[in-house]
Amino acid sequence: MPTYAYACKDCGHAFEIVQSFSDSSLTSCPECEGTLRKKFNSVGVVFKGSGFYRTDSRDSKGSSVSPAPAAAPAAPAPAAAAN
C-alpha cells in the first residue's frame, strides 16, 4: 500500500499515512480539524542497464531504423594446384 503525505492549510501540521488506493483522501487535520492538502513528491526512477532504447522492444519490420547491412560474402578459397 502506498504512503501519502498530507499538510494542514491552517496549522501547518504535516504527516504521512499508509492508505489503500481505494481509500478516500483525508480532509480534516487530526491536530486542529483544519483543511488538509495532499502533498506530491517527485518519484525517483532510475533506469540502469541496457534495454531502455526505443528500438529495443520492436521488430525490424515496423522500425524506422534500417537493420545493419549483411556482411560481404567471403572470397572463394583458391583452387588446389594440380601436379
PDB file of N, CA and C in Angstrom:
ATOM      1  N   MET A   1       0.837  -1.176   0.000  1.00  0.00           N
ATOM      2  CA  MET A   1       0.000   0.000   0.000  1.00  0.00           C
ATOM      3  C   MET A   1       0.887   1.247   0.000  1.00  0.00           C
ATOM      4  N   PRO A   2       0.472   2.261  -0.717  1.00  0.00           N
ATOM      5  CA  PRO A   2       1.281   3.469  -0.815  1.00  0.00           C
ATOM      6  C   PRO A   2       1.177   4.361   0.429  1.00  0.00           C
ATOM      7  N   THR A   3       2.220   5.154   0.604  1.00  0.00           N
ATOM      8  CA  THR A   3       2.260   6.133   1.688  1.00  0.00           C
ATOM      9  C   THR A   3       1.966   7.507   1.100  1.00  0.00           C
ATOM     10  N   TYR A   4       1.018   8.221   1.704  1.00  0.00           N
ATOM     11  CA  TYR A   4       0.640   9.554   1.243  1.00  0.00           C
ATOM     12  C   TYR A   4       1.051  10.589   2.286  1.00  0.00           C
ATOM     13  N   ALA A   5       1.481  11.746   1.820  1.00  0.00           N
ATOM     14  CA  ALA A   5       1.864  12.850   2.706  1.00  0.00           C
ATOM     15  C   ALA A   5       0.781  13.917   2.650  1.00  0.00           C
ATOM     16  N   TYR A   6       0.417  14.424   3.819  1.00  0.00           N
ATOM     17  CA  TYR A   6      -0.597  15.473   3.943  1.00  0.00           C
ATOM     18  C   TYR A   6      -0.011  16.629   4.739  1.00  0.00           C
ATOM     19  N   ALA A   7      -0.545  17.824   4.518  1.00  0.00           N
ATOM     20  CA  ALA A   7      -0.194  19.017   5.299  1.00  0.00           C
ATOM     21  C   ALA A   7      -1.461  19.819   5.535  1.00  0.00           C
ATOM     22  N   CYS A   8      -1.566  20.363   6.718  1.00  0.00           N
ATOM     23  CA  CYS A   8      -2.729  21.167   7.075  1.00  0.00           C
ATOM     24  C   CYS A   8      -2.549  22.592   6.549  1.00  0.00           C
ATOM     25  N   LYS A   9      -3.578  23.125   5.924  1.00  0.00           N
ATOM     26  CA  LYS A   9      -3.534  24.500   5.422  1.00  0.00           C
ATOM     27  C   LYS A   9      -3.634  25.514   6.549  1.00  0.00           C
ATOM     28  N   ASP A  10      -4.232  25.124   7.670  1.00  0.00           N
ATOM     29  CA  ASP A  10      -4.458  26.058   8.769  1.00  0.00           C
ATOM     30  C   ASP A  10      -3.306  26.102   9.768  1.00  0.00           C
ATOM     31  N   CYS A  11      -2.905  24.949  10.298  1.00  0.00           N
ATOM     32  CA  CYS A  11      -1.872  24.948  11.341  1.00  0.00           C
ATOM     33  C   CYS A  11      -0.492  24.519  10.839  1.00  0.00           C
ATOM     34  N   GLY A  12      -0.419  23.980   9.611  1.00  0.00           N
ATOM     35  CA  GLY A  12       0.866  23.582   9.053  1.00  0.00           C
ATOM     36  C   GLY A  12       1.337  22.193   9.468  1.00  0.00           C
ATOM     37  N   HIS A  13       0.542  21.472  10.231  1.00  0.00           N
ATOM     38  CA  HIS A  13       0.901  20.123  10.665  1.00  0.00           C
ATOM     39  C   HIS A  13       1.070  19.223   9.434  1.00  0.00           C
ATOM     40  N   ALA A  14       2.201  18.528   9.351  1.00  0.00           N
ATOM     41  CA  ALA A  14       2.472  17.630   8.227  1.00  0.00           C
ATOM     42  C   ALA A  14       2.650  16.215   8.754  1.00  0.00           C
ATOM     43  N   PHE A  15       2.134  15.241   8.008  1.00  0.00           N
ATOM     44  CA  PHE A  15       2.266  13.838   8.408  1.00  0.00           C
ATOM     45  C   PHE A  15       2.103  12.952   7.189  1.00  0.00           C
ATOM     46  N   GLU A  16       2.497  11.678   7.360  1.00  0.00           N
ATOM     47  CA  GLU A  16       2.351  10.674   6.321  1.00  0.00           C
ATOM     48  C   GLU A  16       1.450   9.570   6.839  1.00  0.00           C
ATOM     49  N   ILE A  17       0.715   8.948   5.936  1.00  0.00           N
ATOM     50  CA  ILE A  17      -0.181   7.865   6.315  1.00  0.00           C
ATOM     51  C   ILE A  17      -0.207   6.825   5.194  1.00  0.00           C
ATOM     52  N   VAL A  18      -0.276   5.557   5.572  1.00  0.00           N
ATOM     53  CA  VAL A  18      -0.376   4.466   4.607  1.00  0.00           C
ATOM     54  C   VAL A  18      -1.858   4.230   4.332  1.00  0.00           C
ATOM     55  N   GLN A  19      -2.237   4.338   3.053  1.00  0.00           N
ATOM     56  CA  GLN A  19      -3.629   4.150   2.649  1.00  0.00           C
ATOM     57  C   GLN A  19      -3.698   3.256   1.421  1.00  0.00           C
ATOM     58  N   SER A  20      -4.811   2.584   1.280  1.00  0.00           N
ATOM     59  CA  SER A  20      -5.068   1.787   0.089  1.00  0.00           C
ATOM     60  C   SER A  20      -5.446   2.728  -1.056  1.00  0.00           C
ATOM     61  N   PHE A  21      -5.307   2.242  -2.280  1.00  0.00           N
ATOM     62  CA  PHE A  21      -5.705   3.048  -3.435  1.00  0.00           C
ATOM     63  C   PHE A  21      -7.200   3.345  -3.395  1.00  0.00           C
ATOM     64  N   SER A  22      -7.973   2.453  -2.830  1.00  0.00           N
ATOM     65  CA  SER A  22      -9.421   2.642  -2.804  1.00  0.00           C
ATOM     66  C   SER A  22      -9.902   3.531  -1.652  1.00  0.00           C
ATOM     67  N   ASP A  23      -9.030   3.853  -0.697  1.00  0.00           N
ATOM     68  CA  ASP A  23      -9.411   4.726   0.425  1.00  0.00           C
ATOM     69  C   ASP A  23      -9.597   6.163  -0.055  1.00  0.00           C
ATOM     70  N   SER A  24     -10.513   6.868   0.579  1.00  0.00           N
ATOM     71  CA  SER A  24     -10.725   8.279   0.267  1.00  0.00           C
ATOM     72  C   SER A  24      -9.591   9.118   0.848  1.00  0.00           C
ATOM     73  N   SER A  25      -9.313  10.254   0.221  1.00  0.00           N
ATOM     74  CA  SER A  25      -8.300  11.170   0.744  1.00  0.00           C
ATOM     75  C   SER A  25      -8.792  11.758   2.062  1.00  0.00           C
ATOM     76  N   LEU A  26      -7.860  12.030   2.961  1.00  0.00           N
ATOM     77  CA  LEU A  26      -8.228  12.658   4.229  1.00  0.00           C
ATOM     78  C   LEU A  26      -8.557  14.124   3.978  1.00  0.00           C
ATOM     79  N   THR A  27      -9.483  14.670   4.766  1.00  0.00           N
ATOM     80  CA  THR A  27      -9.906  16.055   4.551  1.00  0.00           C
ATOM     81  C   THR A  27      -9.729  16.943   5.772  1.00  0.00           C
ATOM     82  N   SER A  28      -9.648  16.347   6.980  1.00  0.00           N
ATOM     83  CA  SER A  28      -9.520  17.190   8.175  1.00  0.00           C
ATOM     84  C   SER A  28      -8.263  16.824   8.952  1.00  0.00           C
ATOM     85  N   CYS A  29      -7.591  17.829   9.471  1.00  0.00           N
ATOM     86  CA  CYS A  29      -6.349  17.685  10.218  1.00  0.00           C
ATOM     87  C   CYS A  29      -6.631  16.989  11.559  1.00  0.00           C
ATOM     88  N   PRO A  30      -5.799  16.012  11.941  1.00  0.00           N
ATOM     89  CA  PRO A  30      -6.004  15.349  13.231  1.00  0.00           C
ATOM     90  C   PRO A  30      -5.619  16.245  14.415  1.00  0.00           C
ATOM     91  N   GLU A  31      -4.875  17.323  14.172  1.00  0.00           N
ATOM     92  CA  GLU A  31      -4.445  18.225  15.244  1.00  0.00           C
ATOM     93  C   GLU A  31      -5.470  19.330  15.521  1.00  0.00           C
ATOM     94  N   CYS A  32      -5.921  20.003  14.440  1.00  0.00           N
ATOM     95  CA  CYS A  32      -6.782  21.181  14.639  1.00  0.00           C
ATOM     96  C   CYS A  32      -8.112  21.111  13.906  1.00  0.00           C
ATOM     97  N   GLU A  33      -8.377  19.990  13.213  1.00  0.00           N
ATOM     98  CA  GLU A  33      -9.592  19.822  12.410  1.00  0.00           C
ATOM     99  C   GLU A  33      -9.654  20.786  11.224  1.00  0.00           C
ATOM    100  N   GLY A  34      -8.491  21.346  10.830  1.00  0.00           N
ATOM    101  CA  GLY A  34      -8.424  22.249   9.679  1.00  0.00           C
ATOM    102  C   GLY A  34      -8.436  21.466   8.367  1.00  0.00           C
ATOM    103  N   THR A  35      -8.339  22.189   7.271  1.00  0.00           N
ATOM    104  CA  THR A  35      -8.374  21.595   5.934  1.00  0.00           C
ATOM    105  C   THR A  35      -7.013  21.024   5.563  1.00  0.00           C
ATOM    106  N   LEU A  36      -7.010  19.798   5.048  1.00  0.00           N
ATOM    107  CA  LEU A  36      -5.767  19.154   4.626  1.00  0.00           C
ATOM    108  C   LEU A  36      -5.569  19.286   3.129  1.00  0.00           C
ATOM    109  N   ARG A  37      -4.319  19.237   2.732  1.00  0.00           N
ATOM    110  CA  ARG A  37      -3.986  19.141   1.310  1.00  0.00           C
ATOM    111  C   ARG A  37      -3.011  17.987   1.155  1.00  0.00           C
ATOM    112  N   LYS A  38      -3.123  17.277   0.055  1.00  0.00           N
ATOM    113  CA  LYS A  38      -2.228  16.162  -0.216  1.00  0.00           C
ATOM    114  C   LYS A  38      -0.958  16.705  -0.854  1.00  0.00           C
ATOM    115  N   LYS A  39       0.188  16.288  -0.354  1.00  0.00           N
ATOM    116  CA  LYS A  39       1.475  16.723  -0.902  1.00  0.00           C
ATOM    117  C   LYS A  39       1.943  15.682  -1.912  1.00  0.00           C
ATOM    118  N   PHE A  40       2.507  16.152  -3.013  1.00  0.00           N
ATOM    119  CA  PHE A  40       3.016  15.254  -4.037  1.00  0.00           C
ATOM    120  C   PHE A  40       4.523  15.434  -4.139  1.00  0.00           C
ATOM    121  N   ASN A  41       5.235  14.331  -4.126  1.00  0.00           N
ATOM    122  CA  ASN A  41       6.690  14.354  -4.226  1.00  0.00           C
ATOM    123  C   ASN A  41       7.114  13.801  -5.572  1.00  0.00           C
ATOM    124  N   SER A  42       8.305  14.143  -5.986  1.00  0.00           N
ATOM    125  CA  SER A  42       8.822  13.589  -7.226  1.00  0.00           C
ATOM    126  C   SER A  42       9.172  12.125  -7.006  1.00  0.00           C
ATOM    127  N   VAL A  43       9.052  11.370  -8.061  1.00  0.00           N
ATOM    128  CA  VAL A  43       9.329   9.945  -7.994  1.00  0.00           C
ATOM    129  C   VAL A  43      10.751   9.722  -8.476  1.00  0.00           C
ATOM    130  N   GLY A  44      11.529   9.025  -7.706  1.00  0.00           N
ATOM    131  CA  GLY A  44      12.919   8.770  -8.077  1.00  0.00           C
ATOM    132  C   GLY A  44      13.061   7.484  -8.852  1.00  0.00           C
ATOM    133  N   VAL A  45      12.902   7.552 -10.166  1.00  0.00           N
ATOM    134  CA  VAL A  45      13.042   6.375 -11.013  1.00  0.00           C
ATOM    135  C   VAL A  45      14.351   6.496 -11.767  1.00  0.00           C
ATOM    136  N   VAL A  46      15.165   5.460 -11.693  1.00  0.00           N
ATOM    137  CA  VAL A  46      16.441   5.452 -12.398  1.00  0.00           C
ATOM    138  C   VAL A  46      16.486   4.195 -13.255  1.00  0.00           C
ATOM    139  N   PHE A  47      16.682   4.356 -14.545  1.00  0.00           N
ATOM    140  CA  PHE A  47      16.805   3.216 -15.449  1.00  0.00           C
ATOM    141  C   PHE A  47      18.273   2.901 -15.614  1.00  0.00           C
ATOM    142  N   LYS A  48      18.650   1.682 -15.260  1.00  0.00           N
ATOM    143  CA  LYS A  48      20.045   1.267 -15.382  1.00  0.00           C
ATOM    144  C   LYS A  48      20.121   0.070 -16.310  1.00  0.00           C
ATOM    145  N   GLY A  49      21.223  -0.036 -17.016  1.00  0.00           N
ATOM    146  CA  GLY A  49      21.444  -1.193 -17.873  1.00  0.00           C
ATOM    147  C   GLY A  49      20.939  -0.963 -19.278  1.00  0.00           C
ATOM    148  N   SER A  50      21.047  -2.004 -20.079  1.00  0.00           N
ATOM    149  CA  SER A  50      20.593  -1.906 -21.464  1.00  0.00           C
ATOM    150  C   SER A  50      19.110  -2.242 -21.525  1.00  0.00           C
ATOM    151  N   GLY A  51      18.490  -1.951 -22.644  1.00  0.00           N
ATOM    152  CA  GLY A  51      17.095  -2.296 -22.831  1.00  0.00           C
ATOM    153  C   GLY A  51      16.139  -1.148 -22.677  1.00  0.00           C
ATOM    154  N   PHE A  52      16.623   0.078 -22.672  1.00  0.00           N
ATOM    155  CA  PHE A  52      15.736   1.214 -22.499  1.00  0.00           C
ATOM    156  C   PHE A  52      15.742   2.144 -23.713  1.00  0.00           C
ATOM    157  N   TYR A  53      16.100   1.589 -24.875  1.00  0.00           N
ATOM    158  CA  TYR A  53      16.084   2.383 -26.091  1.00  0.00           C
ATOM    159  C   TYR A  53      14.792   2.129 -26.837  1.00  0.00           C
ATOM    160  N   ARG A  54      14.397   3.049 -27.653  1.00  0.00           N
ATOM    161  CA  ARG A  54      13.121   2.971 -28.364  1.00  0.00           C
ATOM    162  C   ARG A  54      13.036   1.729 -29.237  1.00  0.00           C
ATOM    163  N   THR A  55      14.129   1.320 -29.835  1.00  0.00           N
ATOM    164  CA  THR A  55      14.111   0.213 -30.786  1.00  0.00           C
ATOM    165  C   THR A  55      14.346  -1.142 -30.131  1.00  0.00           C
ATOM    166  N   ASP A  56      14.589  -1.218 -28.841  1.00  0.00           N
ATOM    167  CA  ASP A  56      14.911  -2.495 -28.217  1.00  0.00           C
ATOM    168  C   ASP A  56      13.742  -3.466 -28.184  1.00  0.00           C
ATOM    169  N   SER A  57      12.526  -2.995 -28.094  1.00  0.00           N
ATOM    170  CA  SER A  57      11.390  -3.903 -27.970  1.00  0.00           C
ATOM    171  C   SER A  57      10.570  -3.999 -29.247  1.00  0.00           C
ATOM    172  N   ARG A  58      11.114  -3.546 -30.341  1.00  0.00           N
ATOM    173  CA  ARG A  58      10.373  -3.562 -31.601  1.00  0.00           C
ATOM    174  C   ARG A  58      11.050  -4.487 -32.603  1.00  0.00           C
ATOM    175  N   ASP A  59      10.246  -5.033 -33.508  1.00  0.00           N
ATOM    176  CA  ASP A  59      10.834  -5.838 -34.570  1.00  0.00           C
ATOM    177  C   ASP A  59      11.344  -4.922 -35.678  1.00  0.00           C
ATOM    178  N   SER A  60      12.167  -5.451 -36.542  1.00  0.00           N
ATOM    179  CA  SER A  60      12.798  -4.614 -37.573  1.00  0.00           C
ATOM    180  C   SER A  60      11.813  -4.212 -38.666  1.00  0.00           C
ATOM    181  N   LYS A  61      10.657  -4.903 -38.795  1.00  0.00           N
ATOM    182  CA  LYS A  61       9.685  -4.553 -39.842  1.00  0.00           C
ATOM    183  C   LYS A  61       9.046  -3.195 -39.592  1.00  0.00           C
ATOM    184  N   GLY A  62       8.688  -2.903 -38.343  1.00  0.00           N
ATOM    185  CA  GLY A  62       7.994  -1.667 -38.035  1.00  0.00           C
ATOM    186  C   GLY A  62       8.916  -0.530 -37.644  1.00  0.00           C
ATOM    187  N   SER A  63      10.183  -0.797 -37.567  1.00  0.00           N
ATOM    188  CA  SER A  63      11.121   0.211 -37.108  1.00  0.00           C
ATOM    189  C   SER A  63      11.544   1.121 -38.243  1.00  0.00           C
ATOM    190  N   SER A  64      11.771   2.390 -37.938  1.00  0.00           N
ATOM    191  CA  SER A  64      12.245   3.312 -38.953  1.00  0.00           C
ATOM    192  C   SER A  64      13.764   3.238 -39.095  1.00  0.00           C
ATOM    193  N   VAL A  65      14.389   2.483 -38.214  1.00  0.00           N
ATOM    194  CA  VAL A  65      15.836   2.323 -38.275  1.00  0.00           C
ATOM    195  C   VAL A  65      16.128   1.111 -39.139  1.00  0.00           C
ATOM    196  N   SER A  66      16.956   1.283 -40.170  1.00  0.00           N
ATOM    197  CA  SER A  66      17.247   0.157 -41.051  1.00  0.00           C
ATOM    198  C   SER A  66      18.199  -0.795 -40.356  1.00  0.00           C
ATOM    199  N   PRO A  67      18.040  -2.098 -40.611  1.00  0.00           N
ATOM    200  CA  PRO A  67      18.923  -3.069 -39.974  1.00  0.00           C
ATOM    201  C   PRO A  67      20.343  -2.919 -40.505  1.00  0.00           C
ATOM    202  N   ALA A  68      21.291  -3.417 -39.753  1.00  0.00           N
ATOM    203  CA  ALA A  68      22.697  -3.336 -40.158  1.00  0.00           C
ATOM    204  C   ALA A  68      22.884  -4.123 -41.446  1.00  0.00           C
ATOM    205  N   PRO A  69      23.731  -3.634 -42.371  1.00  0.00           N
ATOM    206  CA  PRO A  69      23.950  -4.357 -43.635  1.00  0.00           C
ATOM    207  C   PRO A  69      24.602  -5.707 -43.359  1.00  0.00           C
ATOM    208  N   ALA A  70      24.255  -6.671 -44.200  1.00  0.00           N
ATOM    209  CA  ALA A  70      24.831  -8.011 -44.058  1.00  0.00           C
ATOM    210  C   ALA A  70      26.314  -7.958 -44.422  1.00  0.00           C
ATOM    211  N   ALA A  71      27.062  -8.832 -43.808  1.00  0.00           N
ATOM    212  CA  ALA A  71      28.500  -8.884 -44.090  1.00  0.00           C
ATOM    213  C   ALA A  71      28.718  -9.339 -45.529  1.00  0.00           C
ATOM    214  N   ALA A  72      29.758  -8.841 -46.158  1.00  0.00           N
ATOM    215  CA  ALA A  72      30.080  -9.221 -47.528  1.00  0.00           C
ATOM    216  C   ALA A  72      30.440 -10.700 -47.559  1.00  0.00           C
ATOM    217  N   PRO A  73      30.032 -11.422 -48.611  1.00  0.00           N
ATOM    218  CA  PRO A  73      30.367 -12.845 -48.675  1.00  0.00           C
ATOM    219  C   PRO A  73      31.874 -13.025 -48.730  1.00  0.00           C
ATOM    220  N   ALA A  74      32.322 -14.090 -48.118  1.00  0.00           N
ATOM    221  CA  ALA A  74      33.763 -14.373 -48.095  1.00  0.00           C
ATOM    222  C   ALA A  74      34.227 -14.754 -49.497  1.00  0.00           C
ATOM    223  N   ALA A  75      35.473 -14.429 -49.820  1.00  0.00           N
ATOM    224  CA  ALA A  75      36.046 -14.765 -51.114  1.00  0.00           C
ATOM    225  C   ALA A  75      36.214 -16.288 -51.196  1.00  0.00           C
ATOM    226  N   PRO A  76      35.978 -16.883 -52.375  1.00  0.00           N
ATOM    227  CA  PRO A  76      36.121 -18.335 -52.501  1.00  0.00           C
ATOM    228  C   PRO A  76      37.584 -18.747 -52.266  1.00  0.00           C
ATOM    229  N   ALA A  77      37.745 -19.927 -51.715  1.00  0.00           N
ATOM    230  CA  ALA A  77      39.099 -20.432 -51.433  1.00  0.00           C
ATOM    231  C   ALA A  77      39.798 -20.676 -52.763  1.00  0.00           C
ATOM    232  N   PRO A  78      41.113 -20.429 -52.837  1.00  0.00           N
ATOM    233  CA  PRO A  78      41.833 -20.674 -54.105  1.00  0.00           C
ATOM    234  C   PRO A  78      41.820 -22.153 -54.436  1.00  0.00           C
ATOM    235  N   ALA A  79      41.747 -22.463 -55.726  1.00  0.00           N
ATOM    236  CA  ALA A  79      41.719 -23.857 -56.188  1.00  0.00           C
ATOM    237  C   ALA A  79      43.057 -24.506 -55.925  1.00  0.00           C
ATOM    238  N   ALA A  80      43.025 -25.772 -55.622  1.00  0.00           N
ATOM    239  CA  ALA A  80      44.260 -26.518 -55.347  1.00  0.00           C
ATOM    240  C   ALA A  80      45.039 -26.683 -56.654  1.00  0.00           C
ATOM    241  N   ALA A  81      46.325 -26.531 -56.581  1.00  0.00           N
ATOM    242  CA  ALA A  81      47.178 -26.631 -57.767  1.00  0.00           C
ATOM    243  C   ALA A  81      47.298 -28.109 -58.181  1.00  0.00           C
ATOM    244  N   ALA A  82      47.139 -28.391 -59.463  1.00  0.00           N
ATOM    245  CA  ALA A  82      47.256 -29.778 -59.961  1.00  0.00           C
ATOM    246  C   ALA A  82      48.714 -30.074 -60.230  1.00  0.00           C
ATOM    247  N   ASN A  83      49.215 -31.270 -59.891  1.00  0.00           N
ATOM    248  CA  ASN A  83      50.620 -31.677 -60.144  1.00  0.00           C
ATOM    249  C   ASN A  83      50.708 -32.585 -61.278  1.00  0.00           C
TER     250      ASN A  83
END
